Amino acid sequence: MTKAWAMLLVLAWACSKSRAEGSSPTPAASSGIATVMPVPAPVQSAANATSTTGAWRGTYTSSPATLYIPPDWKDVHWKVKETSAGIGEGEIAIQVEPATGRIVGTLGGPLGPASIRGLGADGKLTATVARKDPSDEGFAGTIVGVISNDRVDGTMYVSLGEANAIRTATFTMSPEGAMRAAH
């Protein structure tokens, strides 16, 4: 029993010594009591909140892209047989939640079926493209874009699971109500 207590004291001393050498702990951390701080929601002006949130729908056009390998990576070689997979036009739709700016959406066509998850804030859109069925080894990647009052424009950068096809796609979306009125 004495050896166990001695070991605990040595461990406690070592932990307090490593804390002292690193950054100083917060008062809650030093007392051993966890403090949960609320996470503030993104602040949006009333004009920005009404113009960039809601449902957006549009189309994309994808084309072959290349993978850049720096010249100093002499031993890295990437050569695959080109495929027509993922080239063409498809549908894209997102919903921007007013309170948080969170984005959820879907992607159809040659790059789909995929889901979109991300954030819209300060007129910008960033998101990931993930497979609805990960076992299909289809296209996945990232999205960046700009959200304005009447449209969303952006680019997707995606590849197949084994990186044997890389695609770039540009897209444009309009507010969902405007799409219905145009048809």
C-alpha atoms as a PDB file:
ATOM      1  CA  MET A   1       0.000   0.000   0.000  1.00  0.00           C
ATOM      2  CA  THR A   2       2.843   2.404   0.784  1.00  0.00           C
ATOM      3  CA  LYS A   3       4.440   1.869  -2.629  1.00  0.00           C
ATOM      4  CA  ALA A   4       1.119   2.641  -4.351  1.00  0.00           C
ATOM      5  CA  TRP A   5       0.731   5.912  -2.427  1.00  0.00           C
ATOM      6  CA  ALA A   6       4.321   6.857  -3.190  1.00  0.00           C
ATOM      7  CA  MET A   7       3.726   6.163  -6.886  1.00  0.00           C
ATOM      8  CA  LEU A   8       0.572   8.327  -6.846  1.00  0.00           C
ATOM      9  CA  LEU A   9       2.487  11.192  -5.217  1.00  0.00           C
ATOM     10  CA  VAL A  10       5.265  10.925  -7.833  1.00  0.00           C
ATOM     11  CA  LEU A  11       2.691  10.954 -10.658  1.00  0.00           C
ATOM     12  CA  ALA A  12       0.858  13.940  -9.152  1.00  0.00           C
ATOM     13  CA  TRP A  13       4.158  15.809  -8.776  1.00  0.00           C
ATOM     14  CA  ALA A  14       5.148  14.994 -12.393  1.00  0.00           C
ATOM     15  CA  CYS A  15       1.799  16.183 -13.714  1.00  0.00           C
ATOM     16  CA  SER A  16       1.949  19.441 -11.766  1.00  0.00           C
ATOM     17  CA  LYS A  17       5.552  19.988 -12.889  1.00  0.00           C
ATOM     18  CA  SER A  18       4.651  19.493 -16.597  1.00  0.00           C
ATOM     19  CA  ARG A  19       1.726  21.911 -16.195  1.00  0.00           C
ATOM     20  CA  ALA A  20       3.992  24.519 -14.665  1.00  0.00           C
ATOM     21  CA  GLU A  21       6.467  24.203 -17.547  1.00  0.00           C
ATOM     22  CA  GLY A  22       3.734  24.527 -20.211  1.00  0.00           C
ATOM     23  CA  SER A  23       1.054  27.146 -20.455  1.00  0.00           C
ATOM     24  CA  SER A  24      -0.540  28.273 -17.223  1.00  0.00           C
ATOM     25  CA  PRO A  25      -3.759  26.465 -16.421  1.00  0.00           C
ATOM     26  CA  THR A  26      -7.053  28.250 -16.137  1.00  0.00           C
ATOM     27  CA  PRO A  27      -8.486  28.638 -12.618  1.00  0.00           C
ATOM     28  CA  ALA A  28     -11.088  25.956 -13.363  1.00  0.00           C
ATOM     29  CA  ALA A  29      -8.406  23.549 -14.599  1.00  0.00           C
ATOM     30  CA  SER A  30      -6.232  24.071 -11.516  1.00  0.00           C
ATOM     31  CA  SER A  31      -9.158  23.461  -9.186  1.00  0.00           C
ATOM     32  CA  GLY A  32     -10.069  20.225 -10.934  1.00  0.00           C
ATOM     33  CA  ILE A  33     -13.589  21.472 -11.755  1.00  0.00           C
ATOM     34  CA  ALA A  34     -14.581  21.468 -15.412  1.00  0.00           C
ATOM     35  CA  THR A  35     -16.217  24.631 -16.691  1.00  0.00           C
ATOM     36  CA  VAL A  36     -18.486  24.555 -19.713  1.00  0.00           C
ATOM     37  CA  MET A  37     -18.539  27.814 -21.628  1.00  0.00           C
ATOM     38  CA  PRO A  38     -21.419  28.517 -24.013  1.00  0.00           C
ATOM     39  CA  VAL A  39     -20.463  28.742 -27.676  1.00  0.00           C
ATOM     40  CA  PRO A  40     -21.754  31.979 -29.185  1.00  0.00           C
ATOM     41  CA  ALA A  41     -23.791  31.753 -32.361  1.00  0.00           C
ATOM     42  CA  PRO A  42     -22.451  33.604 -35.420  1.00  0.00           C
ATOM     43  CA  VAL A  43     -23.503  37.231 -35.397  1.00  0.00           C
ATOM     44  CA  GLN A  44     -25.225  38.336 -38.587  1.00  0.00           C
ATOM     45  CA  SER A  45     -26.751  41.638 -39.490  1.00  0.00           C
ATOM     46  CA  ALA A  46     -30.468  41.521 -40.194  1.00  0.00           C
ATOM     47  CA  ALA A  47     -29.866  42.277 -43.894  1.00  0.00           C
ATOM     48  CA  ASN A  48     -27.246  39.527 -44.213  1.00  0.00           C
ATOM     49  CA  ALA A  49     -29.358  36.954 -42.356  1.00  0.00           C
ATOM     50  CA  THR A  50     -32.373  37.369 -44.627  1.00  0.00           C
ATOM     51  CA  SER A  51     -30.445  37.505 -47.895  1.00  0.00           C
ATOM     52  CA  THR A  52     -28.047  34.579 -47.484  1.00  0.00           C
ATOM     53  CA  THR A  53     -30.075  32.017 -45.546  1.00  0.00           C
ATOM     54  CA  GLY A  54     -32.752  29.660 -46.754  1.00  0.00           C
ATOM     55  CA  ALA A  55     -32.912  27.143 -49.577  1.00  0.00           C
ATOM     56  CA  TRP A  56     -30.711  27.424 -52.673  1.00  0.00           C
ATOM     57  CA  ARG A  57     -30.822  25.218 -55.762  1.00  0.00           C
ATOM     58  CA  GLY A  58     -28.823  25.133 -58.980  1.00  0.00           C
ATOM     59  CA  THR A  59     -26.514  23.235 -61.288  1.00  0.00           C
ATOM     60  CA  TYR A  60     -22.824  22.480 -61.650  1.00  0.00           C
ATOM     61  CA  THR A  61     -20.550  21.568 -64.538  1.00  0.00           C
ATOM     62  CA  SER A  62     -17.590  19.310 -63.777  1.00  0.00           C
ATOM     63  CA  SER A  63     -14.459  18.751 -65.801  1.00  0.00           C
ATOM     64  CA  PRO A  64     -11.162  16.856 -65.445  1.00  0.00           C
ATOM     65  CA  ALA A  65      -8.584  18.409 -63.130  1.00  0.00           C
ATOM     66  CA  THR A  66      -4.948  17.673 -62.405  1.00  0.00           C
ATOM     67  CA  LEU A  67      -2.954  16.851 -59.316  1.00  0.00           C
ATOM     68  CA  TYR A  68       0.059  19.076 -58.712  1.00  0.00           C
ATOM     69  CA  ILE A  69       3.154  17.262 -57.447  1.00  0.00           C
ATOM     70  CA  PRO A  70       6.050  19.569 -56.497  1.00  0.00           C
ATOM     71  CA  PRO A  71       9.285  19.018 -58.442  1.00  0.00           C
ATOM     72  CA  ASP A  72      11.256  18.267 -55.262  1.00  0.00           C
ATOM     73  CA  TRP A  73       9.089  15.178 -54.693  1.00  0.00           C
ATOM     74  CA  LYS A  74      11.235  13.236 -57.171  1.00  0.00           C
ATOM     75  CA  ASP A  75      10.131   9.791 -56.033  1.00  0.00           C
ATOM     76  CA  VAL A  76       6.396  10.531 -56.201  1.00  0.00           C
ATOM     77  CA  HIS A  77       4.677   9.503 -59.408  1.00  0.00           C
ATOM     78  CA  TRP A  78       0.963   9.724 -60.136  1.00  0.00           C
ATOM     79  CA  LYS A  79      -0.229   8.393 -63.427  1.00  0.00           C
ATOM     80  CA  VAL A  80      -3.594   6.800 -63.907  1.00  0.00           C
ATOM     81  CA  LYS A  81      -5.683   5.909 -66.882  1.00  0.00           C
ATOM     82  CA  GLU A  82      -8.143   8.767 -67.463  1.00  0.00           C
ATOM     83  CA  THR A  83     -11.836   8.011 -67.120  1.00  0.00           C
ATOM     84  CA  SER A  84     -14.978   9.887 -68.084  1.00  0.00           C
ATOM     85  CA  ALA A  85     -16.479   9.316 -64.608  1.00  0.00           C
ATOM     86  CA  GLY A  86     -17.651  12.486 -62.906  1.00  0.00           C
ATOM     87  CA  ILE A  87     -17.659  14.703 -65.994  1.00  0.00           C
ATOM     88  CA  GLY A  88     -20.796  16.618 -66.921  1.00  0.00           C
ATOM     89  CA  GLU A  89     -23.683  18.557 -65.424  1.00  0.00           C
ATOM     90  CA  GLY A  90     -25.577  17.847 -62.229  1.00  0.00           C
ATOM     91  CA  GLU A  91     -27.808  19.286 -59.544  1.00  0.00           C
ATOM     92  CA  ILE A  92     -26.769  20.935 -56.288  1.00  0.00           C
ATOM     93  CA  ALA A  93     -29.023  22.107 -53.456  1.00  0.00           C
ATOM     94  CA  ILE A  94     -28.260  23.557 -50.025  1.00  0.00           C
ATOM     95  CA  GLN A  95     -30.138  24.885 -47.019  1.00  0.00           C
ATOM     96  CA  VAL A  96     -28.467  27.631 -44.941  1.00  0.00           C
ATOM     97  CA  GLU A  97     -29.842  27.713 -41.386  1.00  0.00           C
ATOM     98  CA  PRO A  98     -30.592  31.288 -40.253  1.00  0.00           C
ATOM     99  CA  ALA A  99     -29.488  31.038 -36.620  1.00  0.00           C
ATOM    100  CA  THR A 100     -26.190  29.196 -37.098  1.00  0.00           C
ATOM    101  CA  GLY A 101     -25.163  29.539 -40.749  1.00  0.00           C
ATOM    102  CA  ARG A 102     -24.822  25.757 -40.953  1.00  0.00           C
ATOM    103  CA  ILE A 103     -25.209  24.328 -44.414  1.00  0.00           C
ATOM    104  CA  VAL A 104     -26.715  20.972 -45.343  1.00  0.00           C
ATOM    105  CA  GLY A 105     -27.378  19.869 -48.893  1.00  0.00           C
ATOM    106  CA  THR A 106     -27.281  17.297 -51.637  1.00  0.00           C
ATOM    107  CA  LEU A 107     -25.367  16.715 -54.833  1.00  0.00           C
ATOM    108  CA  GLY A 108     -26.710  14.693 -57.756  1.00  0.00           C
ATOM    109  CA  GLY A 109     -25.553  13.992 -61.301  1.00  0.00           C
ATOM    110  CA  PRO A 110     -22.125  12.616 -62.243  1.00  0.00           C
ATOM    111  CA  LEU A 111     -20.522  13.565 -58.894  1.00  0.00           C
ATOM    112  CA  GLY A 112     -23.411  12.280 -56.757  1.00  0.00           C
ATOM    113  CA  PRO A 113     -25.186  11.044 -54.875  1.00  0.00           C
ATOM    114  CA  ALA A 114     -23.428  12.955 -52.123  1.00  0.00           C
ATOM    115  CA  SER A 115     -24.242  15.074 -49.097  1.00  0.00           C
ATOM    116  CA  ILE A 116     -22.971  18.570 -48.394  1.00  0.00           C
ATOM    117  CA  ARG A 117     -22.151  19.858 -44.897  1.00  0.00           C
ATOM    118  CA  GLY A 118     -20.537  23.176 -44.044  1.00  0.00           C
ATOM    119  CA  LEU A 119     -20.869  26.776 -42.939  1.00  0.00           C
ATOM    120  CA  GLY A 120     -22.086  29.972 -44.550  1.00  0.00           C
ATOM    121  CA  ALA A 121     -20.878  33.184 -42.888  1.00  0.00           C
ATOM    122  CA  ASP A 122     -19.913  36.682 -43.980  1.00  0.00           C
ATOM    123  CA  GLY A 123     -21.023  35.993 -47.549  1.00  0.00           C
ATOM    124  CA  LYS A 124     -18.784  32.933 -47.902  1.00  0.00           C
ATOM    125  CA  LEU A 125     -19.537  29.226 -48.162  1.00  0.00           C
ATOM    126  CA  THR A 126     -17.221  26.375 -47.192  1.00  0.00           C
ATOM    127  CA  ALA A 127     -18.343  22.772 -47.081  1.00  0.00           C
ATOM    128  CA  THR A 128     -17.392  19.155 -47.544  1.00  0.00           C
ATOM    129  CA  VAL A 129     -18.803  16.738 -50.094  1.00  0.00           C
ATOM    130  CA  ALA A 130     -19.230  13.252 -48.638  1.00  0.00           C
ATOM    131  CA  ARG A 131     -20.698  10.117 -50.161  1.00  0.00           C
ATOM    132  CA  LYS A 132     -24.232   9.168 -49.190  1.00  0.00           C
ATOM    133  CA  ASP A 133     -22.966   5.577 -49.407  1.00  0.00           C
ATOM    134  CA  PRO A 134     -19.251   5.583 -48.494  1.00  0.00           C
ATOM    135  CA  SER A 135     -18.811   2.058 -49.826  1.00  0.00           C
ATOM    136  CA  ASP A 136     -19.466   3.226 -53.408  1.00  0.00           C
ATOM    137  CA  GLU A 137     -16.019   4.921 -53.452  1.00  0.00           C
ATOM    138  CA  GLY A 138     -17.460   7.845 -55.421  1.00  0.00           C
ATOM    139  CA  PHE A 139     -16.428  11.489 -55.521  1.00  0.00           C
ATOM    140  CA  ALA A 140     -15.768  13.423 -52.304  1.00  0.00           C
ATOM    141  CA  GLY A 141     -13.985  16.677 -51.525  1.00  0.00           C
ATOM    142  CA  THR A 142     -14.531  20.337 -50.688  1.00  0.00           C
ATOM    143  CA  ILE A 143     -16.620  23.323 -51.773  1.00  0.00           C
ATOM    144  CA  VAL A 144     -15.867  27.034 -51.576  1.00  0.00           C
ATOM    145  CA  GLY A 145     -18.183  29.790 -52.728  1.00  0.00           C
ATOM    146  CA  VAL A 146     -19.669  33.240 -52.336  1.00  0.00           C
ATOM    147  CA  ILE A 147     -23.237  33.852 -51.158  1.00  0.00           C
ATOM    148  CA  SER A 148     -24.946  37.068 -52.240  1.00  0.00           C
ATOM    149  CA  ASN A 149     -28.550  38.325 -52.192  1.00  0.00           C
ATOM    150  CA  ASP A 150     -29.655  36.559 -55.350  1.00  0.00           C
ATOM    151  CA  ARG A 151     -27.126  33.779 -56.040  1.00  0.00           C
ATOM    152  CA  VAL A 152     -24.431  31.458 -54.810  1.00  0.00           C
ATOM    153  CA  ASP A 153     -21.364  30.888 -56.999  1.00  0.00           C
ATOM    154  CA  GLY A 154     -18.499  28.557 -56.257  1.00  0.00           C
ATOM    155  CA  THR A 155     -16.175  25.701 -57.055  1.00  0.00           C
ATOM    156  CA  MET A 156     -15.986  22.070 -55.955  1.00  0.00           C
ATOM    157  CA  TYR A 157     -12.730  20.145 -55.768  1.00  0.00           C
ATOM    158  CA  VAL A 158     -13.387  16.398 -55.658  1.00  0.00           C
ATOM    159  CA  SER A 159     -11.754  13.070 -56.383  1.00  0.00           C
ATOM    160  CA  LEU A 160     -12.623   9.406 -56.321  1.00  0.00           C
ATOM    161  CA  GLY A 161     -11.711   7.463 -53.206  1.00  0.00           C
ATOM    162  CA  GLU A 162      -8.558   6.049 -54.793  1.00  0.00           C
ATOM    163  CA  ALA A 163      -7.649   9.402 -56.441  1.00  0.00           C
ATOM    164  CA  ASN A 164      -7.832   7.849 -59.906  1.00  0.00           C
ATOM    165  CA  ALA A 165     -10.027  10.728 -61.128  1.00  0.00           C
ATOM    166  CA  ILE A 166      -9.833  14.339 -59.985  1.00  0.00           C
ATOM    167  CA  ARG A 167     -12.559  16.827 -60.905  1.00  0.00           C
ATOM    168  CA  THR A 168     -13.213  20.545 -60.604  1.00  0.00           C
ATOM    169  CA  ALA A 169     -16.788  21.761 -60.857  1.00  0.00           C
ATOM    170  CA  THR A 170     -18.194  25.277 -60.962  1.00  0.00           C
ATOM    171  CA  PHE A 171     -21.730  25.884 -59.742  1.00  0.00           C
ATOM    172  CA  THR A 172     -24.390  28.580 -59.537  1.00  0.00           C
ATOM    173  CA  MET A 173     -27.461  28.472 -57.313  1.00  0.00           C
ATOM    174  CA  SER A 174     -30.483  30.719 -56.905  1.00  0.00           C
ATOM    175  CA  PRO A 175     -32.925  31.008 -54.016  1.00  0.00           C
ATOM    176  CA  GLU A 176     -35.289  28.039 -54.258  1.00  0.00           C
ATOM    177  CA  GLY A 177     -38.394  30.250 -54.633  1.00  0.00           C
ATOM    178  CA  ALA A 178     -36.783  32.069 -57.583  1.00  0.00           C
ATOM    179  CA  MET A 179     -36.105  28.743 -59.321  1.00  0.00           C
ATOM    180  CA  ARG A 180     -39.780  27.775 -59.058  1.00  0.00           C
ATOM    181  CA  ALA A 181     -40.907  31.148 -60.392  1.00  0.00           C
ATOM    182  CA  ALA A 182     -38.567  30.867 -63.381  1.00  0.00           C
ATOM    183  CA  HIS A 183     -39.990  27.468 -64.456  1.00  0.00           C
END
